[in-house]
Amino acid sequence: MYVEFELPDIPVNQSGFDQYWRGSIFIKAPSERYQINALTGTYVRLVEAALIEYRLGAEKFREFWSTHTSLNMGAMHRSTSHFETCISNMYIATKCYRRLKKDRLQDPIAQLLCTKKVEFAKDPITDKFRLVRNTIHHLEKDVMEGRIVTGQPFALKPDGPEVKHPTELNQTIKTIDRLVIGKYELLFSDLVLWLSEMSEVVVAIAEHLSNSYIPQVNN
């Protein structure tokens, strides 16, 4: 079997995170309402963390496959843990985003988010995050209470389609392009798309804070 990978990097500019934290701490909070500040800060923190976890997951996954002197299961296990945390952070960040958009007082941050067209906050995508994240979290209880049955998955698994090799008899090509747990799966390409959108929202919030700041002038 030949193994190929479709594990894209995240082509995002992370300057928005530094800009947001500097602005919100030293210049101007996102809102005059504490609840909005808490939701916004949590969103930014979790997106930043999700990006890091995705990169670490991808790094350890590649380390596993590039180790030829031993079966580097430690790298694979760490990769799985990083991807699990990434998805959990993306799910909660998405909940923060949706809650901000539905703010009944239409805070300026909510108005800003309403101008954004993103895929990650749509119901079908949010449901994917929720189902995968809940499956991961419920597994702990199933393991502790002895409800795991033979063959039942108990962690995320990098996986993908396997097809016959076009020229070599009795050979196949397997393309690892997704994370799978039970009947649920998430493509790496989709994760990168949604993480990129989440990051672009952070940049927009940071720029909004900078543009709305009016320095005080002493007469």
N, C-alpha and C. Protein backbone atom coordinates (compact mmCIF):
# COMPACT_ATOMS: atom_id res chain seq x y z
N MET A 1 0.83 -1.19 0.00
CA MET A 1 0.00 0.00 0.00
C MET A 1 0.87 1.25 0.00
N TYR A 2 0.55 2.18 -0.89
CA TYR A 2 1.18 3.49 -0.90
C TYR A 2 0.29 4.45 -0.10
N VAL A 3 0.94 5.33 0.65
CA VAL A 3 0.19 6.28 1.48
C VAL A 3 0.51 7.70 1.03
N GLU A 4 -0.54 8.46 0.77
CA GLU A 4 -0.41 9.87 0.43
C GLU A 4 -1.16 10.70 1.46
N PHE A 5 -0.80 11.98 1.55
CA PHE A 5 -1.40 12.85 2.56
C PHE A 5 -1.98 14.10 1.91
N GLU A 6 -3.13 14.51 2.40
CA GLU A 6 -3.70 15.80 2.07
C GLU A 6 -3.95 16.51 3.40
N LEU A 7 -2.88 17.11 3.89
CA LEU A 7 -2.87 17.76 5.21
C LEU A 7 -2.36 19.18 5.03
N PRO A 8 -3.21 20.08 4.56
CA PRO A 8 -2.75 21.43 4.23
C PRO A 8 -2.36 22.25 5.46
N ASP A 9 -1.44 23.18 5.24
CA ASP A 9 -1.10 24.15 6.27
C ASP A 9 -2.17 25.25 6.30
N ILE A 10 -2.12 26.06 7.34
CA ILE A 10 -3.09 27.14 7.48
C ILE A 10 -2.44 28.44 7.02
N PRO A 11 -2.84 28.96 5.86
CA PRO A 11 -2.20 30.17 5.32
C PRO A 11 -2.84 31.44 5.88
N VAL A 12 -2.64 31.69 7.17
CA VAL A 12 -3.27 32.87 7.78
C VAL A 12 -2.21 33.77 8.40
N ASN A 13 -2.54 35.05 8.45
CA ASN A 13 -1.69 36.04 9.10
C ASN A 13 -2.17 36.19 10.54
N GLN A 14 -1.31 35.84 11.49
CA GLN A 14 -1.74 35.87 12.88
C GLN A 14 -1.47 37.20 13.57
N SER A 15 -1.12 38.22 12.81
CA SER A 15 -0.86 39.52 13.43
C SER A 15 -2.11 40.07 14.11
N GLY A 16 -3.28 39.64 13.64
CA GLY A 16 -4.53 40.12 14.22
C GLY A 16 -4.67 39.77 15.68
N PHE A 17 -4.10 38.65 16.12
CA PHE A 17 -4.23 38.24 17.51
C PHE A 17 -3.44 39.19 18.42
N ASP A 18 -2.19 39.48 18.05
CA ASP A 18 -1.41 40.44 18.83
C ASP A 18 -2.08 41.81 18.84
N GLN A 19 -2.60 42.20 17.67
CA GLN A 19 -3.28 43.50 17.57
C GLN A 19 -4.51 43.53 18.47
N TYR A 20 -5.26 42.43 18.50
CA TYR A 20 -6.45 42.40 19.35
C TYR A 20 -6.07 42.49 20.83
N TRP A 21 -5.11 41.67 21.28
CA TRP A 21 -4.78 41.65 22.70
C TRP A 21 -4.19 42.98 23.15
N ARG A 22 -3.32 43.57 22.34
CA ARG A 22 -2.78 44.88 22.70
C ARG A 22 -3.88 45.92 22.79
N GLY A 23 -4.75 45.92 21.79
CA GLY A 23 -5.81 46.91 21.75
C GLY A 23 -6.81 46.76 22.88
N SER A 24 -7.23 45.53 23.14
CA SER A 24 -8.26 45.31 24.15
C SER A 24 -7.74 45.53 25.57
N ILE A 25 -6.44 45.31 25.77
CA ILE A 25 -5.88 45.45 27.11
C ILE A 25 -5.40 46.88 27.38
N PHE A 26 -4.72 47.48 26.40
CA PHE A 26 -4.06 48.76 26.64
C PHE A 26 -4.78 49.96 26.03
N ILE A 27 -5.68 49.75 25.10
CA ILE A 27 -6.29 50.89 24.41
C ILE A 27 -7.79 50.98 24.68
N LYS A 28 -8.54 49.97 24.24
CA LYS A 28 -10.00 50.06 24.35
C LYS A 28 -10.59 48.67 24.35
N ALA A 29 -11.47 48.39 25.30
CA ALA A 29 -12.16 47.11 25.34
C ALA A 29 -13.12 47.01 24.16
N PRO A 30 -13.43 45.80 23.70
CA PRO A 30 -14.35 45.67 22.57
C PRO A 30 -15.70 46.31 22.80
N SER A 31 -16.17 46.32 24.05
CA SER A 31 -17.51 46.83 24.34
C SER A 31 -17.55 47.45 25.73
N GLU A 32 -18.60 48.21 25.99
CA GLU A 32 -18.82 48.72 27.33
C GLU A 32 -19.52 47.68 28.20
N ARG A 33 -19.94 46.59 27.58
CA ARG A 33 -20.64 45.53 28.31
C ARG A 33 -19.69 44.36 28.57
N TYR A 34 -19.61 43.97 29.81
CA TYR A 34 -18.67 42.93 30.23
C TYR A 34 -18.96 41.60 29.53
N GLN A 35 -20.25 41.26 29.34
CA GLN A 35 -20.61 39.99 28.70
C GLN A 35 -20.05 39.93 27.28
N ILE A 36 -20.13 41.04 26.55
CA ILE A 36 -19.61 41.07 25.18
C ILE A 36 -18.09 40.92 25.20
N ASN A 37 -17.44 41.57 26.14
CA ASN A 37 -15.99 41.45 26.25
C ASN A 37 -15.58 40.01 26.56
N ALA A 38 -16.35 39.35 27.43
CA ALA A 38 -16.04 37.96 27.79
C ALA A 38 -16.22 37.04 26.58
N LEU A 39 -17.30 37.21 25.83
CA LEU A 39 -17.54 36.38 24.65
C LEU A 39 -16.47 36.62 23.59
N THR A 40 -16.15 37.90 23.37
CA THR A 40 -15.16 38.23 22.33
C THR A 40 -13.78 37.71 22.71
N GLY A 41 -13.38 37.95 23.96
CA GLY A 41 -12.07 37.48 24.41
C GLY A 41 -11.97 35.96 24.37
N THR A 42 -13.05 35.27 24.74
CA THR A 42 -13.04 33.81 24.70
C THR A 42 -12.94 33.32 23.26
N TYR A 43 -13.66 33.97 22.36
CA TYR A 43 -13.59 33.59 20.94
C TYR A 43 -12.16 33.71 20.42
N VAL A 44 -11.54 34.85 20.66
CA VAL A 44 -10.19 35.09 20.14
C VAL A 44 -9.20 34.10 20.76
N ARG A 45 -9.31 33.89 22.06
CA ARG A 45 -8.38 32.97 22.75
C ARG A 45 -8.50 31.55 22.20
N LEU A 46 -9.73 31.09 21.98
CA LEU A 46 -9.92 29.72 21.52
C LEU A 46 -9.53 29.53 20.06
N VAL A 47 -9.75 30.54 19.23
CA VAL A 47 -9.30 30.45 17.84
C VAL A 47 -7.78 30.39 17.78
N GLU A 48 -7.14 31.24 18.58
CA GLU A 48 -5.68 31.23 18.63
C GLU A 48 -5.17 29.86 19.08
N ALA A 49 -5.82 29.30 20.10
CA ALA A 49 -5.41 27.97 20.60
C ALA A 49 -5.68 26.88 19.56
N ALA A 50 -6.81 26.96 18.85
CA ALA A 50 -7.14 25.96 17.85
C ALA A 50 -6.12 25.94 16.72
N LEU A 51 -5.66 27.11 16.31
CA LEU A 51 -4.63 27.19 15.27
C LEU A 51 -3.35 26.49 15.72
N ILE A 52 -2.96 26.74 16.96
CA ILE A 52 -1.74 26.12 17.49
C ILE A 52 -1.91 24.60 17.56
N GLU A 53 -3.08 24.15 18.03
CA GLU A 53 -3.31 22.70 18.16
C GLU A 53 -3.33 22.03 16.79
N TYR A 54 -3.89 22.69 15.79
CA TYR A 54 -3.89 22.10 14.44
C TYR A 54 -2.45 21.95 13.95
N ARG A 55 -1.65 22.99 14.10
CA ARG A 55 -0.26 22.94 13.64
C ARG A 55 0.52 21.84 14.36
N LEU A 56 0.32 21.73 15.68
CA LEU A 56 1.03 20.70 16.43
C LEU A 56 0.55 19.31 16.03
N GLY A 57 -0.76 19.18 15.79
CA GLY A 57 -1.29 17.89 15.35
C GLY A 57 -0.70 17.48 14.01
N ALA A 58 -0.64 18.43 13.09
CA ALA A 58 -0.07 18.14 11.77
C ALA A 58 1.42 17.81 11.88
N GLU A 59 2.12 18.55 12.74
CA GLU A 59 3.56 18.32 12.92
C GLU A 59 3.83 16.91 13.44
N LYS A 60 3.08 16.48 14.45
CA LYS A 60 3.29 15.15 15.02
C LYS A 60 2.84 14.05 14.07
N PHE A 61 1.80 14.33 13.29
CA PHE A 61 1.34 13.35 12.30
C PHE A 61 2.44 13.10 11.27
N ARG A 62 3.04 14.18 10.77
CA ARG A 62 4.13 14.03 9.79
C ARG A 62 5.35 13.36 10.42
N GLU A 63 5.58 13.64 11.71
CA GLU A 63 6.71 13.00 12.41
C GLU A 63 6.51 11.49 12.47
N PHE A 64 5.28 11.06 12.71
CA PHE A 64 5.00 9.62 12.76
C PHE A 64 5.35 8.95 11.44
N TRP A 65 4.92 9.55 10.34
CA TRP A 65 5.13 8.93 9.04
C TRP A 65 6.55 9.09 8.52
N SER A 66 7.30 10.04 9.07
CA SER A 66 8.67 10.24 8.60
C SER A 66 9.68 9.48 9.45
N THR A 67 9.22 8.81 10.52
CA THR A 67 10.11 8.00 11.35
C THR A 67 10.20 6.59 10.76
N HIS A 68 11.39 6.22 10.30
CA HIS A 68 11.56 4.94 9.61
C HIS A 68 12.35 3.91 10.43
N THR A 69 12.86 4.33 11.58
CA THR A 69 13.66 3.41 12.40
C THR A 69 12.83 2.70 13.46
N SER A 70 11.60 3.15 13.67
CA SER A 70 10.74 2.54 14.68
C SER A 70 9.29 2.91 14.38
N LEU A 71 8.38 2.28 15.12
CA LEU A 71 6.96 2.62 15.01
C LEU A 71 6.67 3.71 16.04
N ASN A 72 6.67 4.95 15.59
CA ASN A 72 6.62 6.10 16.48
C ASN A 72 5.17 6.39 16.90
N MET A 73 4.59 5.49 17.71
CA MET A 73 3.20 5.66 18.11
C MET A 73 3.02 6.85 19.04
N GLY A 74 4.09 7.23 19.76
CA GLY A 74 4.00 8.40 20.62
C GLY A 74 3.63 9.64 19.83
N ALA A 75 4.25 9.80 18.66
CA ALA A 75 3.95 10.95 17.82
C ALA A 75 2.50 10.91 17.33
N MET A 76 2.03 9.72 16.95
CA MET A 76 0.65 9.59 16.48
C MET A 76 -0.34 9.90 17.60
N HIS A 77 -0.07 9.42 18.80
CA HIS A 77 -0.98 9.67 19.92
C HIS A 77 -1.03 11.15 20.27
N ARG A 78 0.12 11.82 20.23
CA ARG A 78 0.13 13.26 20.50
C ARG A 78 -0.59 14.02 19.40
N SER A 79 -0.43 13.55 18.16
CA SER A 79 -1.15 14.17 17.05
C SER A 79 -2.65 14.09 17.28
N THR A 80 -3.13 12.93 17.66
CA THR A 80 -4.56 12.75 17.93
C THR A 80 -5.04 13.68 19.02
N SER A 81 -4.28 13.78 20.11
CA SER A 81 -4.67 14.65 21.22
C SER A 81 -4.74 16.11 20.78
N HIS A 82 -3.77 16.55 19.98
CA HIS A 82 -3.79 17.93 19.49
C HIS A 82 -5.01 18.19 18.62
N PHE A 83 -5.34 17.26 17.74
CA PHE A 83 -6.50 17.45 16.86
C PHE A 83 -7.81 17.42 17.66
N GLU A 84 -7.88 16.58 18.68
CA GLU A 84 -9.08 16.55 19.53
C GLU A 84 -9.28 17.89 20.22
N THR A 85 -8.21 18.45 20.76
CA THR A 85 -8.30 19.74 21.43
C THR A 85 -8.63 20.85 20.43
N CYS A 86 -8.07 20.77 19.24
CA CYS A 86 -8.36 21.74 18.19
C CYS A 86 -9.85 21.78 17.89
N ILE A 87 -10.47 20.63 17.71
CA ILE A 87 -11.89 20.57 17.37
C ILE A 87 -12.75 21.08 18.52
N SER A 88 -12.39 20.72 19.75
CA SER A 88 -13.13 21.20 20.91
C SER A 88 -13.07 22.73 21.00
N ASN A 89 -11.89 23.30 20.77
CA ASN A 89 -11.74 24.76 20.80
C ASN A 89 -12.54 25.42 19.68
N MET A 90 -12.54 24.81 18.50
CA MET A 90 -13.30 25.37 17.38
C MET A 90 -14.80 25.36 17.68
N TYR A 91 -15.26 24.30 18.32
CA TYR A 91 -16.68 24.20 18.65
C TYR A 91 -17.12 25.30 19.61
N ILE A 92 -16.36 25.50 20.69
CA ILE A 92 -16.74 26.51 21.68
C ILE A 92 -16.57 27.91 21.09
N ALA A 93 -15.53 28.11 20.27
CA ALA A 93 -15.35 29.41 19.61
C ALA A 93 -16.54 29.73 18.71
N THR A 94 -17.02 28.71 17.99
CA THR A 94 -18.17 28.91 17.13
C THR A 94 -19.42 29.28 17.93
N LYS A 95 -19.60 28.67 19.09
CA LYS A 95 -20.72 29.02 19.95
C LYS A 95 -20.63 30.48 20.40
N CYS A 96 -19.42 30.93 20.74
CA CYS A 96 -19.22 32.33 21.12
C CYS A 96 -19.58 33.26 19.96
N TYR A 97 -19.12 32.91 18.77
CA TYR A 97 -19.39 33.72 17.58
C TYR A 97 -20.89 33.84 17.34
N ARG A 98 -21.60 32.73 17.39
CA ARG A 98 -23.04 32.74 17.13
C ARG A 98 -23.79 33.52 18.21
N ARG A 99 -23.33 33.41 19.44
CA ARG A 99 -23.97 34.16 20.53
C ARG A 99 -23.74 35.66 20.36
N LEU A 100 -22.56 36.05 19.95
CA LEU A 100 -22.29 37.47 19.71
C LEU A 100 -23.17 38.03 18.59
N LYS A 101 -23.32 37.28 17.52
CA LYS A 101 -24.14 37.74 16.39
C LYS A 101 -25.60 37.92 16.79
N LYS A 102 -26.06 37.14 17.75
CA LYS A 102 -27.47 37.20 18.15
C LYS A 102 -27.72 38.16 19.31
N ASP A 103 -26.73 38.97 19.64
CA ASP A 103 -26.88 39.91 20.75
C ASP A 103 -28.11 40.78 20.54
N ARG A 104 -29.04 40.75 21.48
CA ARG A 104 -30.31 41.44 21.29
C ARG A 104 -30.17 42.96 21.33
N LEU A 105 -29.09 43.45 21.92
CA LEU A 105 -28.86 44.90 21.96
C LEU A 105 -28.02 45.37 20.78
N GLN A 106 -27.61 44.44 19.94
CA GLN A 106 -26.82 44.73 18.75
C GLN A 106 -25.62 45.63 19.04
N ASP A 107 -24.79 45.12 19.94
CA ASP A 107 -23.52 45.77 20.22
C ASP A 107 -22.74 45.97 18.92
N PRO A 108 -21.88 47.00 18.83
CA PRO A 108 -21.09 47.19 17.60
C PRO A 108 -20.32 45.95 17.15
N ILE A 109 -19.84 45.13 18.09
CA ILE A 109 -19.16 43.90 17.70
C ILE A 109 -20.14 42.96 17.01
N ALA A 110 -21.37 42.87 17.53
CA ALA A 110 -22.39 42.04 16.90
C ALA A 110 -22.72 42.55 15.51
N GLN A 111 -22.82 43.87 15.36
CA GLN A 111 -23.09 44.46 14.05
C GLN A 111 -21.97 44.13 13.06
N LEU A 112 -20.73 44.16 13.54
CA LEU A 112 -19.59 43.82 12.69
C LEU A 112 -19.69 42.37 12.21
N LEU A 113 -19.99 41.46 13.12
CA LEU A 113 -20.05 40.04 12.77
C LEU A 113 -21.19 39.76 11.80
N CYS A 114 -22.25 40.53 11.89
CA CYS A 114 -23.39 40.32 10.99
C CYS A 114 -23.05 40.68 9.55
N THR A 115 -21.97 41.41 9.35
CA THR A 115 -21.55 41.75 7.98
C THR A 115 -20.67 40.66 7.37
N LYS A 116 -20.26 39.69 8.18
CA LYS A 116 -19.35 38.65 7.71
C LYS A 116 -20.13 37.44 7.18
N LYS A 117 -19.69 36.93 6.06
CA LYS A 117 -20.26 35.70 5.51
C LYS A 117 -19.24 34.58 5.68
N VAL A 118 -19.52 33.70 6.62
CA VAL A 118 -18.58 32.62 6.93
C VAL A 118 -19.31 31.28 6.91
N GLU A 119 -18.57 30.23 6.63
CA GLU A 119 -19.13 28.89 6.59
C GLU A 119 -19.16 28.25 7.97
N PHE A 120 -18.13 28.53 8.79
CA PHE A 120 -17.95 27.76 10.02
C PHE A 120 -19.09 27.91 11.01
N ALA A 121 -19.85 29.02 10.93
CA ALA A 121 -20.91 29.26 11.91
C ALA A 121 -22.29 28.80 11.42
N LYS A 122 -22.36 28.20 10.22
CA LYS A 122 -23.64 27.69 9.73
C LYS A 122 -24.04 26.44 10.51
N ASP A 123 -25.33 26.20 10.58
CA ASP A 123 -25.84 25.10 11.39
C ASP A 123 -25.21 23.73 11.05
N PRO A 124 -25.10 23.35 9.77
CA PRO A 124 -24.53 22.02 9.47
C PRO A 124 -23.09 21.87 9.95
N ILE A 125 -22.31 22.97 9.87
CA ILE A 125 -20.90 22.91 10.31
C ILE A 125 -20.83 22.85 11.82
N THR A 126 -21.64 23.69 12.48
CA THR A 126 -21.67 23.67 13.94
C THR A 126 -22.09 22.31 14.45
N ASP A 127 -23.03 21.68 13.77
CA ASP A 127 -23.46 20.34 14.16
C ASP A 127 -22.32 19.33 14.03
N LYS A 128 -21.50 19.47 12.98
CA LYS A 128 -20.35 18.57 12.83
C LYS A 128 -19.40 18.71 14.01
N PHE A 129 -19.06 19.97 14.36
CA PHE A 129 -18.19 20.20 15.51
C PHE A 129 -18.78 19.55 16.75
N ARG A 130 -20.07 19.80 16.97
CA ARG A 130 -20.73 19.31 18.19
C ARG A 130 -20.72 17.79 18.26
N LEU A 131 -21.05 17.13 17.16
CA LEU A 131 -21.14 15.67 17.17
C LEU A 131 -19.78 15.02 17.39
N VAL A 132 -18.75 15.54 16.71
CA VAL A 132 -17.41 14.99 16.89
C VAL A 132 -16.90 15.27 18.30
N ARG A 133 -17.07 16.50 18.74
CA ARG A 133 -16.58 16.88 20.08
C ARG A 133 -17.30 16.09 21.17
N ASN A 134 -18.63 15.94 21.05
CA ASN A 134 -19.37 15.19 22.07
C ASN A 134 -19.00 13.72 22.06
N THR A 135 -18.77 13.17 20.86
CA THR A 135 -18.35 11.76 20.78
C THR A 135 -17.02 11.56 21.50
N ILE A 136 -16.08 12.48 21.27
CA ILE A 136 -14.78 12.41 21.94
C ILE A 136 -14.95 12.46 23.46
N HIS A 137 -15.76 13.39 23.93
CA HIS A 137 -15.91 13.59 25.38
C HIS A 137 -16.68 12.44 26.04
N HIS A 138 -17.67 11.89 25.33
CA HIS A 138 -18.45 10.80 25.93
C HIS A 138 -17.66 9.50 26.00
N LEU A 139 -16.62 9.39 25.16
CA LEU A 139 -15.83 8.17 25.18
C LEU A 139 -15.17 7.95 26.54
N GLU A 140 -14.79 9.03 27.19
CA GLU A 140 -14.15 8.89 28.51
C GLU A 140 -15.09 8.17 29.47
N LYS A 141 -16.35 8.59 29.45
CA LYS A 141 -17.33 7.96 30.35
C LYS A 141 -17.55 6.51 29.96
N ASP A 142 -17.62 6.23 28.65
CA ASP A 142 -17.82 4.85 28.20
C ASP A 142 -16.66 3.96 28.62
N VAL A 143 -15.42 4.49 28.51
CA VAL A 143 -14.25 3.72 28.90
C VAL A 143 -14.27 3.45 30.41
N MET A 144 -14.57 4.50 31.20
CA MET A 144 -14.56 4.37 32.66
C MET A 144 -15.63 3.40 33.15
N GLU A 145 -16.77 3.38 32.46
CA GLU A 145 -17.89 2.55 32.92
C GLU A 145 -17.95 1.20 32.20
N GLY A 146 -16.91 0.91 31.39
CA GLY A 146 -16.82 -0.41 30.78
C GLY A 146 -17.82 -0.67 29.67
N ARG A 147 -18.28 0.39 29.00
CA ARG A 147 -19.27 0.21 27.94
C ARG A 147 -18.63 0.12 26.55
N ILE A 148 -17.30 0.20 26.48
CA ILE A 148 -16.62 0.06 25.19
C ILE A 148 -16.70 -1.39 24.73
N VAL A 149 -17.11 -1.59 23.50
CA VAL A 149 -17.19 -2.95 22.95
C VAL A 149 -16.07 -3.15 21.96
N THR A 150 -15.75 -4.40 21.68
CA THR A 150 -14.66 -4.73 20.77
C THR A 150 -14.88 -4.08 19.40
N GLY A 151 -13.85 -3.37 18.95
CA GLY A 151 -13.91 -2.72 17.65
C GLY A 151 -14.44 -1.30 17.68
N GLN A 152 -14.99 -0.87 18.83
CA GLN A 152 -15.52 0.50 18.92
C GLN A 152 -14.37 1.50 18.97
N PRO A 153 -14.40 2.54 18.13
CA PRO A 153 -13.31 3.54 18.17
C PRO A 153 -13.34 4.31 19.48
N PHE A 154 -12.15 4.59 20.03
CA PHE A 154 -12.09 5.36 21.28
C PHE A 154 -11.18 6.57 21.15
N ALA A 155 -10.87 6.97 19.92
CA ALA A 155 -10.09 8.18 19.67
C ALA A 155 -10.26 8.57 18.21
N LEU A 156 -9.97 9.83 17.91
CA LEU A 156 -9.93 10.26 16.52
C LEU A 156 -8.88 9.47 15.75
N LYS A 157 -9.14 9.22 14.48
CA LYS A 157 -8.17 8.48 13.66
C LYS A 157 -7.99 9.17 12.31
N PRO A 158 -6.76 9.52 11.95
CA PRO A 158 -6.52 10.01 10.58
C PRO A 158 -6.82 8.90 9.60
N ASP A 159 -7.60 9.20 8.58
CA ASP A 159 -8.02 8.14 7.67
C ASP A 159 -8.32 8.75 6.30
N GLY A 160 -8.77 7.92 5.38
CA GLY A 160 -9.11 8.40 4.06
C GLY A 160 -9.37 7.25 3.10
N PRO A 161 -9.73 7.56 1.87
CA PRO A 161 -10.09 6.52 0.91
C PRO A 161 -8.87 5.73 0.44
N GLU A 162 -9.13 4.47 0.09
CA GLU A 162 -8.08 3.59 -0.45
C GLU A 162 -8.56 3.03 -1.78
N VAL A 163 -7.75 3.20 -2.82
CA VAL A 163 -8.14 2.75 -4.17
C VAL A 163 -7.04 1.88 -4.75
N LYS A 164 -7.39 1.14 -5.80
CA LYS A 164 -6.41 0.30 -6.47
C LYS A 164 -5.36 1.15 -7.17
N HIS A 165 -4.13 0.68 -7.11
CA HIS A 165 -3.05 1.38 -7.82
C HIS A 165 -3.28 1.25 -9.33
N PRO A 166 -3.11 2.33 -10.08
CA PRO A 166 -3.44 2.29 -11.51
C PRO A 166 -2.52 1.41 -12.34
N THR A 167 -1.30 1.17 -11.83
CA THR A 167 -0.35 0.42 -12.66
C THR A 167 0.24 -0.81 -11.97
N GLU A 168 0.22 -0.87 -10.64
CA GLU A 168 0.85 -1.98 -9.92
C GLU A 168 -0.20 -2.97 -9.42
N LEU A 169 -0.06 -4.21 -9.82
CA LEU A 169 -1.01 -5.25 -9.45
C LEU A 169 -0.95 -5.51 -7.94
N ASN A 170 -2.11 -5.70 -7.34
CA ASN A 170 -2.23 -6.02 -5.91
C ASN A 170 -1.70 -4.91 -5.00
N GLN A 171 -1.62 -3.70 -5.54
CA GLN A 171 -1.21 -2.56 -4.73
C GLN A 171 -2.35 -1.54 -4.66
N THR A 172 -2.36 -0.77 -3.58
CA THR A 172 -3.38 0.26 -3.42
C THR A 172 -2.72 1.59 -3.06
N ILE A 173 -3.50 2.65 -3.19
CA ILE A 173 -3.08 3.98 -2.76
C ILE A 173 -4.09 4.48 -1.74
N LYS A 174 -3.62 4.78 -0.55
CA LYS A 174 -4.48 5.30 0.50
C LYS A 174 -4.16 6.78 0.70
N THR A 175 -5.18 7.63 0.63
CA THR A 175 -5.00 9.07 0.82
C THR A 175 -5.57 9.47 2.16
N ILE A 176 -4.71 9.85 3.08
CA ILE A 176 -5.16 10.28 4.41
C ILE A 176 -5.48 11.77 4.34
N ASP A 177 -6.78 12.08 4.42
CA ASP A 177 -7.22 13.46 4.22
C ASP A 177 -8.27 13.91 5.22
N ARG A 178 -8.49 13.10 6.28
CA ARG A 178 -9.57 13.44 7.21
C ARG A 178 -9.33 12.83 8.59
N LEU A 179 -10.11 13.30 9.54
CA LEU A 179 -10.15 12.71 10.88
C LEU A 179 -11.49 12.01 11.03
N VAL A 180 -11.45 10.80 11.57
CA VAL A 180 -12.66 9.99 11.67
C VAL A 180 -12.82 9.49 13.10
N ILE A 181 -14.05 9.50 13.59
CA ILE A 181 -14.35 8.83 14.85
C ILE A 181 -15.76 8.27 14.72
N GLY A 182 -15.87 6.95 14.71
CA GLY A 182 -17.16 6.32 14.50
C GLY A 182 -17.69 6.67 13.12
N LYS A 183 -18.92 7.17 13.07
CA LYS A 183 -19.56 7.52 11.79
C LYS A 183 -19.34 8.98 11.40
N TYR A 184 -18.57 9.70 12.21
CA TYR A 184 -18.35 11.12 11.94
C TYR A 184 -16.95 11.36 11.38
N GLU A 185 -16.83 12.35 10.52
CA GLU A 185 -15.52 12.66 9.95
C GLU A 185 -15.42 14.15 9.61
N LEU A 186 -14.20 14.64 9.63
CA LEU A 186 -13.89 16.03 9.28
C LEU A 186 -12.68 16.04 8.35
N LEU A 187 -12.84 16.61 7.18
CA LEU A 187 -11.72 16.72 6.25
C LEU A 187 -10.71 17.75 6.75
N PHE A 188 -9.42 17.47 6.58
CA PHE A 188 -8.40 18.44 6.94
C PHE A 188 -8.59 19.73 6.14
N SER A 189 -8.95 19.61 4.87
CA SER A 189 -9.13 20.80 4.04
C SER A 189 -10.25 21.69 4.57
N ASP A 190 -11.31 21.07 5.12
CA ASP A 190 -12.41 21.85 5.70
C ASP A 190 -11.96 22.53 7.00
N LEU A 191 -11.21 21.80 7.83
CA LEU A 191 -10.71 22.40 9.07
C LEU A 191 -9.87 23.64 8.77
N VAL A 192 -9.03 23.54 7.75
CA VAL A 192 -8.17 24.68 7.38
C VAL A 192 -9.02 25.85 6.88
N LEU A 193 -10.04 25.55 6.08
CA LEU A 193 -10.93 26.61 5.60
C LEU A 193 -11.61 27.31 6.77
N TRP A 194 -12.17 26.54 7.69
CA TRP A 194 -12.90 27.14 8.81
C TRP A 194 -11.97 27.87 9.77
N LEU A 195 -10.78 27.33 10.02
CA LEU A 195 -9.82 28.02 10.87
C LEU A 195 -9.38 29.34 10.23
N SER A 196 -9.22 29.34 8.93
CA SER A 196 -8.84 30.56 8.22
C SER A 196 -9.94 31.61 8.35
N GLU A 197 -11.20 31.18 8.22
CA GLU A 197 -12.32 32.11 8.39
C GLU A 197 -12.36 32.66 9.81
N MET A 198 -12.17 31.79 10.78
CA MET A 198 -12.17 32.23 12.18
C MET A 198 -11.08 33.27 12.43
N SER A 199 -9.91 33.05 11.83
CA SER A 199 -8.80 33.99 11.99
C SER A 199 -9.11 35.33 11.34
N GLU A 200 -9.76 35.29 10.18
CA GLU A 200 -10.13 36.53 9.50
C GLU A 200 -11.10 37.35 10.33
N VAL A 201 -11.97 36.68 11.07
CA VAL A 201 -12.88 37.38 11.98
C VAL A 201 -12.10 38.08 13.08
N VAL A 202 -11.08 37.41 13.62
CA VAL A 202 -10.25 38.04 14.66
C VAL A 202 -9.58 39.30 14.11
N VAL A 203 -9.05 39.22 12.90
CA VAL A 203 -8.41 40.39 12.27
C VAL A 203 -9.43 41.51 12.12
N ALA A 204 -10.66 41.20 11.72
CA ALA A 204 -11.69 42.22 11.55
C ALA A 204 -12.04 42.88 12.88
N ILE A 205 -12.13 42.08 13.95
CA ILE A 205 -12.42 42.64 15.27
C ILE A 205 -11.28 43.55 15.72
N ALA A 206 -10.05 43.09 15.53
CA ALA A 206 -8.88 43.90 15.93
C ALA A 206 -8.86 45.22 15.17
N GLU A 207 -9.13 45.19 13.88
CA GLU A 207 -9.15 46.41 13.09
C GLU A 207 -10.29 47.32 13.51
N HIS A 208 -11.42 46.73 13.87
CA HIS A 208 -12.56 47.52 14.37
C HIS A 208 -12.18 48.28 15.64
N LEU A 209 -11.48 47.60 16.55
CA LEU A 209 -11.07 48.27 17.79
C LEU A 209 -10.12 49.42 17.50
N SER A 210 -9.18 49.20 16.59
CA SER A 210 -8.22 50.25 16.24
C SER A 210 -8.90 51.44 15.60
N ASN A 211 -9.85 51.17 14.71
CA ASN A 211 -10.53 52.24 13.98
C ASN A 211 -11.50 53.02 14.85
N SER A 212 -12.03 52.36 15.91
CA SER A 212 -13.02 53.03 16.76
C SER A 212 -12.39 53.79 17.91
N TYR A 213 -11.07 53.65 18.06
CA TYR A 213 -10.39 54.34 19.16
C TYR A 213 -10.17 55.80 18.80
N ILE A 214 -10.63 56.69 19.65
CA ILE A 214 -10.41 58.14 19.48
C ILE A 214 -9.58 58.63 20.64
N PRO A 215 -8.32 58.97 20.40
CA PRO A 215 -7.47 59.40 21.50
C PRO A 215 -7.95 60.70 22.15
N GLN A 216 -7.77 60.78 23.44
CA GLN A 216 -8.15 61.98 24.17
C GLN A 216 -7.14 63.10 23.94
N VAL A 217 -7.64 64.28 23.70
CA VAL A 217 -6.77 65.43 23.49
C VAL A 217 -6.92 66.38 24.66
N ASN A 218 -5.81 66.65 25.33
CA ASN A 218 -5.83 67.58 26.46
C ASN A 218 -5.68 69.02 25.98
N ASN A 219 -6.62 69.84 26.40
CA ASN A 219 -6.55 71.26 26.01
C ASN A 219 -5.60 72.01 26.95
